[in-house]
Amino acid sequence: MAGGNSKDLYAVIALTLLAIGGMLLEPSGGIRWSLLALPLVFILPGYALAAALFAKSHLGFAETLAAMLGLSLAASVVGGVLLNATLEGLDTVRWTIYLAGVTLGGCAIAARRRQRAQMVPARLVLNLGELLPLVAAIIVLVSAIVIAREPAAQPSAAFTQLWARPAAVLGQTAVEVGVYNSEFKKMEYKLEVRAGPVLVYESAAIALAPGETWEKLLTFQSQVSGDVQVLLYRMDQPDQVYRQAVSRSSVQ
């Protein structure tokens, strides 16, 4: 690691902010974001965590490289598993925010420890207190690899949510429908609403970037009895129902 100054940490923070800026410009994940995201996945979190863990010692090049890559991998895998377990799932925005948070948090801890420690140029000598963070990092890395090798514990994070529910509109049959895209890419859908065998509504193409939601309140002048069936199609598979939902029609 670097000596008493924090120029390396400033560089890490700057690259992290660039990656966040790329995500804001291309939330669906374009080529520019991908180029900026590579360091955020493979380098920056590990460097920041290593700087925080070993703030009192001087790691050589080989040790720094190993710690940087190992901790970056551990942070990425653990973060992917945790985000995948949330209701919103894993997408570009949450992935970037998580990795940026780990990186900036590591930089903050490293800067704090450097201010409180007197950095003396020396060869790498680890005492018991310095070995404990290294052991913890190794445990995290091994745990991340084990988790990543368990496919049953990692359901696919990519999904599309469709819902339909009755709505209160005076004198009319009304249904509120919505689509949420939690796929890893921009999706285009088409929506059909049927009352029994009768097609009562057909949408134009619905284009949604990852994390976006489309909602619409549908009202029908004539009374519709029974269930209202909502069918969602992908535009690249127009003949195959992708999602479906059913709502009991409501007339107020």
C-alpha atoms as a PDB file:
ATOM      1  CA  MET A   1       0.000   0.000   0.000  1.00  0.00           C
ATOM      2  CA  ALA A   2       0.956   3.618  -0.303  1.00  0.00           C
ATOM      3  CA  GLY A   3       2.657   5.499   2.524  1.00  0.00           C
ATOM      4  CA  GLY A   4       1.289   8.258   4.709  1.00  0.00           C
ATOM      5  CA  ASN A   5      -0.530  10.192   1.994  1.00  0.00           C
ATOM      6  CA  SER A   6      -3.836   9.176   0.485  1.00  0.00           C
ATOM      7  CA  LYS A   7      -3.316   9.969  -3.189  1.00  0.00           C
ATOM      8  CA  ASP A   8      -4.061   6.354  -4.073  1.00  0.00           C
ATOM      9  CA  LEU A   9      -7.373   6.555  -2.210  1.00  0.00           C
ATOM     10  CA  TYR A  10      -8.301   9.757  -4.053  1.00  0.00           C
ATOM     11  CA  ALA A  11      -7.652   7.955  -7.348  1.00  0.00           C
ATOM     12  CA  VAL A  12      -9.849   5.042  -6.260  1.00  0.00           C
ATOM     13  CA  ILE A  13     -12.641   7.436  -5.266  1.00  0.00           C
ATOM     14  CA  ALA A  14     -12.376   9.285  -8.597  1.00  0.00           C
ATOM     15  CA  LEU A  15     -12.633   6.048 -10.599  1.00  0.00           C
ATOM     16  CA  THR A  16     -15.600   4.967  -8.489  1.00  0.00           C
ATOM     17  CA  LEU A  17     -17.408   8.238  -9.168  1.00  0.00           C
ATOM     18  CA  LEU A  18     -16.700   7.803 -12.894  1.00  0.00           C
ATOM     19  CA  ALA A  19     -18.340   4.372 -12.771  1.00  0.00           C
ATOM     20  CA  ILE A  20     -21.375   5.861 -11.006  1.00  0.00           C
ATOM     21  CA  GLY A  21     -21.556   8.573 -13.665  1.00  0.00           C
ATOM     22  CA  GLY A  22     -21.434   5.942 -16.398  1.00  0.00           C
ATOM     23  CA  MET A  23     -24.283   4.071 -14.742  1.00  0.00           C
ATOM     24  CA  LEU A  24     -26.388   7.248 -14.575  1.00  0.00           C
ATOM     25  CA  LEU A  25     -25.753   7.904 -18.282  1.00  0.00           C
ATOM     26  CA  GLU A  26     -26.524   4.320 -19.304  1.00  0.00           C
ATOM     27  CA  PRO A  27     -28.663   2.650 -16.584  1.00  0.00           C
ATOM     28  CA  SER A  28     -29.417  -0.266 -18.904  1.00  0.00           C
ATOM     29  CA  GLY A  29     -25.706  -1.111 -19.153  1.00  0.00           C
ATOM     30  CA  GLY A  30     -24.051   0.082 -22.374  1.00  0.00           C
ATOM     31  CA  ILE A  31     -20.494  -0.202 -23.639  1.00  0.00           C
ATOM     32  CA  ARG A  32     -19.329   2.964 -21.880  1.00  0.00           C
ATOM     33  CA  TRP A  33     -20.689   1.796 -18.544  1.00  0.00           C
ATOM     34  CA  SER A  34     -19.137  -1.637 -19.072  1.00  0.00           C
ATOM     35  CA  LEU A  35     -15.670  -0.139 -19.578  1.00  0.00           C
ATOM     36  CA  LEU A  36     -16.014   1.991 -16.451  1.00  0.00           C
ATOM     37  CA  ALA A  37     -17.516  -0.889 -14.472  1.00  0.00           C
ATOM     38  CA  LEU A  38     -14.621  -3.317 -15.016  1.00  0.00           C
ATOM     39  CA  PRO A  39     -12.360  -1.624 -12.421  1.00  0.00           C
ATOM     40  CA  LEU A  40     -15.340  -1.320 -10.067  1.00  0.00           C
ATOM     41  CA  VAL A  41     -15.859  -5.086 -10.208  1.00  0.00           C
ATOM     42  CA  PHE A  42     -12.300  -6.448 -10.285  1.00  0.00           C
ATOM     43  CA  ILE A  43     -10.010  -3.808  -8.753  1.00  0.00           C
ATOM     44  CA  LEU A  44     -11.432  -0.911  -6.758  1.00  0.00           C
ATOM     45  CA  PRO A  45     -13.386  -2.688  -3.966  1.00  0.00           C
ATOM     46  CA  GLY A  46     -10.485  -5.034  -3.261  1.00  0.00           C
ATOM     47  CA  TYR A  47      -7.935  -2.233  -3.196  1.00  0.00           C
ATOM     48  CA  ALA A  48     -10.090  -0.171  -0.832  1.00  0.00           C
ATOM     49  CA  LEU A  49     -10.734  -3.135   1.472  1.00  0.00           C
ATOM     50  CA  ALA A  50      -7.050  -4.112   1.471  1.00  0.00           C
ATOM     51  CA  ALA A  51      -6.103  -0.521   2.292  1.00  0.00           C
ATOM     52  CA  ALA A  52      -8.552  -0.587   5.200  1.00  0.00           C
ATOM     53  CA  LEU A  53      -7.395  -3.978   6.484  1.00  0.00           C
ATOM     54  CA  PHE A  54      -3.658  -3.374   6.152  1.00  0.00           C
ATOM     55  CA  ALA A  55      -3.427   0.350   6.834  1.00  0.00           C
ATOM     56  CA  LYS A  56      -0.531  -0.119   9.260  1.00  0.00           C
ATOM     57  CA  SER A  57       1.650  -2.280   7.014  1.00  0.00           C
ATOM     58  CA  HIS A  58       3.372  -2.009   3.657  1.00  0.00           C
ATOM     59  CA  LEU A  59       2.352  -4.790   1.328  1.00  0.00           C
ATOM     60  CA  GLY A  60       4.576  -5.652  -1.575  1.00  0.00           C
ATOM     61  CA  PHE A  61       3.301  -5.665  -5.145  1.00  0.00           C
ATOM     62  CA  ALA A  62       2.445  -9.369  -5.148  1.00  0.00           C
ATOM     63  CA  GLU A  63       0.636  -9.174  -1.810  1.00  0.00           C
ATOM     64  CA  THR A  64      -1.284  -6.071  -2.885  1.00  0.00           C
ATOM     65  CA  LEU A  65      -2.324  -7.680  -6.176  1.00  0.00           C
ATOM     66  CA  ALA A  66      -3.475 -10.883  -4.470  1.00  0.00           C
ATOM     67  CA  ALA A  67      -5.419  -8.996  -1.797  1.00  0.00           C
ATOM     68  CA  MET A  68      -6.963  -6.642  -4.370  1.00  0.00           C
ATOM     69  CA  LEU A  69      -8.198  -9.395  -6.688  1.00  0.00           C
ATOM     70  CA  GLY A  70      -9.272 -11.740  -3.894  1.00  0.00           C
ATOM     71  CA  LEU A  71     -11.213  -9.147  -1.936  1.00  0.00           C
ATOM     72  CA  SER A  72     -12.806  -7.732  -5.112  1.00  0.00           C
ATOM     73  CA  LEU A  73     -14.009 -11.206  -6.042  1.00  0.00           C
ATOM     74  CA  ALA A  74     -15.313 -11.813  -2.534  1.00  0.00           C
ATOM     75  CA  ALA A  75     -17.167  -8.476  -2.428  1.00  0.00           C
ATOM     76  CA  SER A  76     -18.685  -9.050  -5.881  1.00  0.00           C
ATOM     77  CA  VAL A  77     -19.891 -12.590  -5.183  1.00  0.00           C
ATOM     78  CA  VAL A  78     -21.263 -11.837  -1.713  1.00  0.00           C
ATOM     79  CA  GLY A  79     -22.984  -8.691  -3.009  1.00  0.00           C
ATOM     80  CA  GLY A  80     -24.517 -10.576  -5.916  1.00  0.00           C
ATOM     81  CA  VAL A  81     -25.944 -13.216  -3.588  1.00  0.00           C
ATOM     82  CA  LEU A  82     -27.309 -10.632  -1.131  1.00  0.00           C
ATOM     83  CA  LEU A  83     -28.901  -8.452  -3.834  1.00  0.00           C
ATOM     84  CA  ASN A  84     -30.324 -11.515  -5.527  1.00  0.00           C
ATOM     85  CA  ALA A  85     -32.111 -12.397  -2.290  1.00  0.00           C
ATOM     86  CA  THR A  86     -33.913  -9.029  -2.092  1.00  0.00           C
ATOM     87  CA  LEU A  87     -37.394  -8.389  -3.471  1.00  0.00           C
ATOM     88  CA  GLU A  88     -36.057  -6.021  -6.140  1.00  0.00           C
ATOM     89  CA  GLY A  89     -33.428  -8.493  -7.287  1.00  0.00           C
ATOM     90  CA  LEU A  90     -30.081  -7.790  -8.930  1.00  0.00           C
ATOM     91  CA  ASP A  91     -29.785  -5.111 -11.603  1.00  0.00           C
ATOM     92  CA  THR A  92     -27.239  -2.627 -12.934  1.00  0.00           C
ATOM     93  CA  VAL A  93     -28.203   0.246 -10.641  1.00  0.00           C
ATOM     94  CA  ARG A  94     -28.215  -1.737  -7.369  1.00  0.00           C
ATOM     95  CA  TRP A  95     -25.051  -3.605  -8.371  1.00  0.00           C
ATOM     96  CA  THR A  96     -23.208  -0.332  -9.033  1.00  0.00           C
ATOM     97  CA  ILE A  97     -24.455   1.288  -5.824  1.00  0.00           C
ATOM     98  CA  TYR A  98     -23.393  -1.731  -3.769  1.00  0.00           C
ATOM     99  CA  LEU A  99     -19.867  -1.933  -5.234  1.00  0.00           C
ATOM    100  CA  ALA A 100     -19.435   1.837  -4.971  1.00  0.00           C
ATOM    101  CA  GLY A 101     -20.559   1.726  -1.338  1.00  0.00           C
ATOM    102  CA  VAL A 102     -18.057  -1.022  -0.508  1.00  0.00           C
ATOM    103  CA  THR A 103     -15.278   0.894  -2.258  1.00  0.00           C
ATOM    104  CA  LEU A 104     -16.018   4.286  -0.730  1.00  0.00           C
ATOM    105  CA  GLY A 105     -16.533   2.740   2.699  1.00  0.00           C
ATOM    106  CA  GLY A 106     -13.187   0.971   2.456  1.00  0.00           C
ATOM    107  CA  CYS A 107     -11.490   4.205   1.413  1.00  0.00           C
ATOM    108  CA  ALA A 108     -13.022   6.056   4.364  1.00  0.00           C
ATOM    109  CA  ILE A 109     -11.806   3.425   6.831  1.00  0.00           C
ATOM    110  CA  ALA A 110      -8.353   3.323   5.238  1.00  0.00           C
ATOM    111  CA  ALA A 111      -8.004   7.110   5.355  1.00  0.00           C
ATOM    112  CA  ARG A 112      -9.068   7.138   8.998  1.00  0.00           C
ATOM    113  CA  ARG A 113      -6.579   4.443   9.958  1.00  0.00           C
ATOM    114  CA  ARG A 114      -3.768   6.158   8.063  1.00  0.00           C
ATOM    115  CA  GLN A 115      -4.407   9.377   9.947  1.00  0.00           C
ATOM    116  CA  ARG A 116      -4.191   7.541  13.258  1.00  0.00           C
ATOM    117  CA  ALA A 117      -1.191   5.397  12.401  1.00  0.00           C
ATOM    118  CA  GLN A 118       2.409   6.400  11.852  1.00  0.00           C
ATOM    119  CA  MET A 119       3.414   4.832   8.550  1.00  0.00           C
ATOM    120  CA  VAL A 120       7.026   3.625   8.699  1.00  0.00           C
ATOM    121  CA  PRO A 121       8.595   2.176   5.502  1.00  0.00           C
ATOM    122  CA  ALA A 122       9.405  -1.465   6.199  1.00  0.00           C
ATOM    123  CA  ARG A 123       9.134  -4.954   4.833  1.00  0.00           C
ATOM    124  CA  LEU A 124       5.899  -6.801   5.366  1.00  0.00           C
ATOM    125  CA  VAL A 125       5.836  -8.170   8.916  1.00  0.00           C
ATOM    126  CA  LEU A 126       2.463  -9.297  10.228  1.00  0.00           C
ATOM    127  CA  ASN A 127       1.823  -9.605  13.943  1.00  0.00           C
ATOM    128  CA  LEU A 128      -1.186 -11.342  15.460  1.00  0.00           C
ATOM    129  CA  GLY A 129      -3.351  -8.223  15.274  1.00  0.00           C
ATOM    130  CA  GLU A 130      -2.619  -7.825  11.564  1.00  0.00           C
ATOM    131  CA  LEU A 131      -3.108 -11.519  10.816  1.00  0.00           C
ATOM    132  CA  LEU A 132      -6.698 -11.472  12.053  1.00  0.00           C
ATOM    133  CA  PRO A 133      -8.019  -9.232   9.211  1.00  0.00           C
ATOM    134  CA  LEU A 134      -6.124 -11.380   6.694  1.00  0.00           C
ATOM    135  CA  VAL A 135      -7.700 -14.550   8.093  1.00  0.00           C
ATOM    136  CA  ALA A 136     -11.120 -12.868   8.022  1.00  0.00           C
ATOM    137  CA  ALA A 137     -10.596 -11.867   4.382  1.00  0.00           C
ATOM    138  CA  ILE A 138      -9.629 -15.430   3.465  1.00  0.00           C
ATOM    139  CA  ILE A 139     -12.733 -16.782   5.227  1.00  0.00           C
ATOM    140  CA  VAL A 140     -14.948 -14.317   3.338  1.00  0.00           C
ATOM    141  CA  LEU A 141     -13.319 -15.277   0.035  1.00  0.00           C
ATOM    142  CA  VAL A 142     -13.706 -19.018   0.644  1.00  0.00           C
ATOM    143  CA  SER A 143     -17.319 -18.541   1.765  1.00  0.00           C
ATOM    144  CA  ALA A 144     -18.072 -16.513  -1.361  1.00  0.00           C
ATOM    145  CA  ILE A 145     -16.634 -19.218  -3.607  1.00  0.00           C
ATOM    146  CA  VAL A 146     -18.618 -21.929  -1.792  1.00  0.00           C
ATOM    147  CA  ILE A 147     -21.834 -19.922  -2.111  1.00  0.00           C
ATOM    148  CA  ALA A 148     -21.166 -19.281  -5.800  1.00  0.00           C
ATOM    149  CA  ARG A 149     -20.784 -23.029  -6.399  1.00  0.00           C
ATOM    150  CA  GLU A 150     -24.221 -23.772  -4.909  1.00  0.00           C
ATOM    151  CA  PRO A 151     -26.657 -23.284  -7.820  1.00  0.00           C
ATOM    152  CA  ALA A 152     -29.693 -24.345  -5.767  1.00  0.00           C
ATOM    153  CA  ALA A 153     -29.165 -21.395  -3.438  1.00  0.00           C
ATOM    154  CA  GLN A 154     -29.133 -18.847  -6.264  1.00  0.00           C
ATOM    155  CA  PRO A 155     -32.454 -18.541  -8.080  1.00  0.00           C
ATOM    156  CA  SER A 156     -32.354 -16.452 -11.231  1.00  0.00           C
ATOM    157  CA  ALA A 157     -32.529 -12.755 -10.482  1.00  0.00           C
ATOM    158  CA  ALA A 158     -33.918 -11.947 -13.925  1.00  0.00           C
ATOM    159  CA  PHE A 159     -37.711 -11.811 -13.991  1.00  0.00           C
ATOM    160  CA  THR A 160     -40.700  -9.811 -15.187  1.00  0.00           C
ATOM    161  CA  GLN A 161     -43.565  -9.086 -12.796  1.00  0.00           C
ATOM    162  CA  LEU A 162     -47.139  -8.656 -14.048  1.00  0.00           C
ATOM    163  CA  TRP A 163     -50.103  -7.729 -11.880  1.00  0.00           C
ATOM    164  CA  ALA A 164     -53.799  -6.938 -12.294  1.00  0.00           C
ATOM    165  CA  ARG A 165     -56.230  -5.769  -9.635  1.00  0.00           C
ATOM    166  CA  PRO A 166     -59.752  -4.333  -9.584  1.00  0.00           C
ATOM    167  CA  ALA A 167     -60.039  -0.554  -9.389  1.00  0.00           C
ATOM    168  CA  ALA A 168     -62.875   1.649  -8.155  1.00  0.00           C
ATOM    169  CA  VAL A 169     -64.281   3.745 -11.025  1.00  0.00           C
ATOM    170  CA  LEU A 170     -67.926   4.841 -10.742  1.00  0.00           C
ATOM    171  CA  GLY A 171     -70.233   3.058 -13.169  1.00  0.00           C
ATOM    172  CA  GLN A 172     -67.513   1.299 -15.127  1.00  0.00           C
ATOM    173  CA  THR A 173     -65.607  -1.936 -15.066  1.00  0.00           C
ATOM    174  CA  ALA A 174     -62.024  -1.025 -14.139  1.00  0.00           C
ATOM    175  CA  VAL A 175     -58.793  -2.962 -13.813  1.00  0.00           C
ATOM    176  CA  GLU A 176     -55.359  -1.615 -12.934  1.00  0.00           C
ATOM    177  CA  VAL A 177     -52.533  -3.502 -14.655  1.00  0.00           C
ATOM    178  CA  GLY A 178     -48.784  -3.127 -14.292  1.00  0.00           C
ATOM    179  CA  VAL A 179     -45.503  -4.555 -15.552  1.00  0.00           C
ATOM    180  CA  TYR A 180     -42.139  -4.405 -13.779  1.00  0.00           C
ATOM    181  CA  ASN A 181     -38.893  -5.263 -15.607  1.00  0.00           C
ATOM    182  CA  SER A 182     -36.226  -6.881 -13.440  1.00  0.00           C
ATOM    183  CA  GLU A 183     -34.415  -8.506 -16.341  1.00  0.00           C
ATOM    184  CA  PHE A 184     -30.775  -7.705 -17.046  1.00  0.00           C
ATOM    185  CA  LYS A 185     -31.599  -5.838 -20.249  1.00  0.00           C
ATOM    186  CA  LYS A 186     -34.151  -3.559 -21.872  1.00  0.00           C
ATOM    187  CA  MET A 187     -37.333  -5.470 -22.687  1.00  0.00           C
ATOM    188  CA  GLU A 188     -40.256  -4.850 -25.042  1.00  0.00           C
ATOM    189  CA  TYR A 189     -43.654  -6.300 -24.229  1.00  0.00           C
ATOM    190  CA  LYS A 190     -47.202  -6.384 -25.592  1.00  0.00           C
ATOM    191  CA  LEU A 191     -50.250  -6.611 -23.322  1.00  0.00           C
ATOM    192  CA  GLU A 192     -53.657  -8.146 -24.023  1.00  0.00           C
ATOM    193  CA  VAL A 193     -56.703  -8.025 -21.760  1.00  0.00           C
ATOM    194  CA  ARG A 194     -59.539 -10.479 -22.299  1.00  0.00           C
ATOM    195  CA  ALA A 195     -62.980 -10.806 -20.721  1.00  0.00           C
ATOM    196  CA  GLY A 196     -63.730 -14.440 -21.374  1.00  0.00           C
ATOM    197  CA  PRO A 197     -62.973 -15.019 -25.070  1.00  0.00           C
ATOM    198  CA  VAL A 198     -63.397 -11.320 -25.950  1.00  0.00           C
ATOM    199  CA  LEU A 199     -60.316  -9.149 -26.483  1.00  0.00           C
ATOM    200  CA  VAL A 200     -61.113  -5.851 -24.723  1.00  0.00           C
ATOM    201  CA  TYR A 201     -57.682  -4.176 -24.784  1.00  0.00           C
ATOM    202  CA  GLU A 202     -54.408  -4.547 -26.680  1.00  0.00           C
ATOM    203  CA  SER A 203     -51.412  -2.315 -25.990  1.00  0.00           C
ATOM    204  CA  ALA A 204     -48.768  -0.965 -28.298  1.00  0.00           C
ATOM    205  CA  ALA A 205     -45.167  -2.011 -27.643  1.00  0.00           C
ATOM    206  CA  ILE A 206     -44.139  -1.382 -24.019  1.00  0.00           C
ATOM    207  CA  ALA A 207     -40.386  -0.712 -23.743  1.00  0.00           C
ATOM    208  CA  LEU A 208     -38.917  -0.922 -20.234  1.00  0.00           C
ATOM    209  CA  ALA A 209     -35.315  -0.584 -19.108  1.00  0.00           C
ATOM    210  CA  PRO A 210     -34.178  -2.695 -16.123  1.00  0.00           C
ATOM    211  CA  GLY A 211     -35.913  -1.452 -12.975  1.00  0.00           C
ATOM    212  CA  GLU A 212     -38.671   0.448 -14.818  1.00  0.00           C
ATOM    213  CA  THR A 213     -42.416   0.002 -14.240  1.00  0.00           C
ATOM    214  CA  TRP A 214     -45.406   0.501 -16.555  1.00  0.00           C
ATOM    215  CA  GLU A 215     -48.905   0.919 -15.134  1.00  0.00           C
ATOM    216  CA  LYS A 216     -52.277   1.650 -16.705  1.00  0.00           C
ATOM    217  CA  LEU A 217     -55.857   1.952 -15.494  1.00  0.00           C
ATOM    218  CA  LEU A 218     -58.224   0.246 -17.941  1.00  0.00           C
ATOM    219  CA  THR A 219     -61.917   1.101 -17.939  1.00  0.00           C
ATOM    220  CA  PHE A 220     -64.644  -0.501 -20.026  1.00  0.00           C
ATOM    221  CA  GLN A 221     -67.919   1.202 -20.900  1.00  0.00           C
ATOM    222  CA  SER A 222     -69.899  -2.026 -20.985  1.00  0.00           C
ATOM    223  CA  GLN A 223     -70.190  -4.199 -17.908  1.00  0.00           C
ATOM    224  CA  VAL A 224     -67.792  -7.142 -17.888  1.00  0.00           C
ATOM    225  CA  SER A 225     -68.800 -10.149 -15.843  1.00  0.00           C
ATOM    226  CA  GLY A 226     -66.464 -12.766 -14.457  1.00  0.00           C
ATOM    227  CA  ASP A 227     -62.704 -12.688 -14.466  1.00  0.00           C
ATOM    228  CA  VAL A 228     -60.533 -10.399 -16.556  1.00  0.00           C
ATOM    229  CA  GLN A 229     -57.465 -12.172 -17.909  1.00  0.00           C
ATOM    230  CA  VAL A 230     -54.279 -10.194 -18.594  1.00  0.00           C
ATOM    231  CA  LEU A 231     -51.715 -11.729 -20.955  1.00  0.00           C
ATOM    232  CA  LEU A 232     -48.185 -10.393 -21.406  1.00  0.00           C
ATOM    233  CA  TYR A 233     -46.050 -11.213 -24.451  1.00  0.00           C
ATOM    234  CA  ARG A 234     -42.429 -10.477 -25.246  1.00  0.00           C
ATOM    235  CA  MET A 235     -42.063  -8.693 -28.568  1.00  0.00           C
ATOM    236  CA  ASP A 236     -39.316 -11.111 -29.599  1.00  0.00           C
ATOM    237  CA  GLN A 237     -41.681 -14.034 -28.835  1.00  0.00           C
ATOM    238  CA  PRO A 238     -45.076 -12.609 -29.871  1.00  0.00           C
ATOM    239  CA  ASP A 239     -46.857 -15.967 -30.069  1.00  0.00           C
ATOM    240  CA  GLN A 240     -45.907 -17.204 -26.604  1.00  0.00           C
ATOM    241  CA  VAL A 241     -47.535 -15.966 -23.389  1.00  0.00           C
ATOM    242  CA  TYR A 242     -44.725 -14.759 -21.111  1.00  0.00           C
ATOM    243  CA  ARG A 243     -46.750 -13.800 -18.013  1.00  0.00           C
ATOM    244  CA  GLN A 244     -50.443 -13.850 -17.143  1.00  0.00           C
ATOM    245  CA  ALA A 245     -52.623 -12.520 -14.358  1.00  0.00           C
ATOM    246  CA  VAL A 246     -56.320 -12.669 -13.493  1.00  0.00           C
ATOM    247  CA  SER A 247     -58.483 -10.004 -11.851  1.00  0.00           C
ATOM    248  CA  ARG A 248     -62.096 -10.148 -10.756  1.00  0.00           C
ATOM    249  CA  SER A 249     -63.923  -7.367 -12.616  1.00  0.00           C
ATOM    250  CA  SER A 250     -65.410  -4.606 -10.494  1.00  0.00           C
ATOM    251  CA  VAL A 251     -68.267  -2.195 -11.270  1.00  0.00           C
ATOM    252  CA  GLN A 252     -68.980   0.657  -8.832  1.00  0.00           C
END
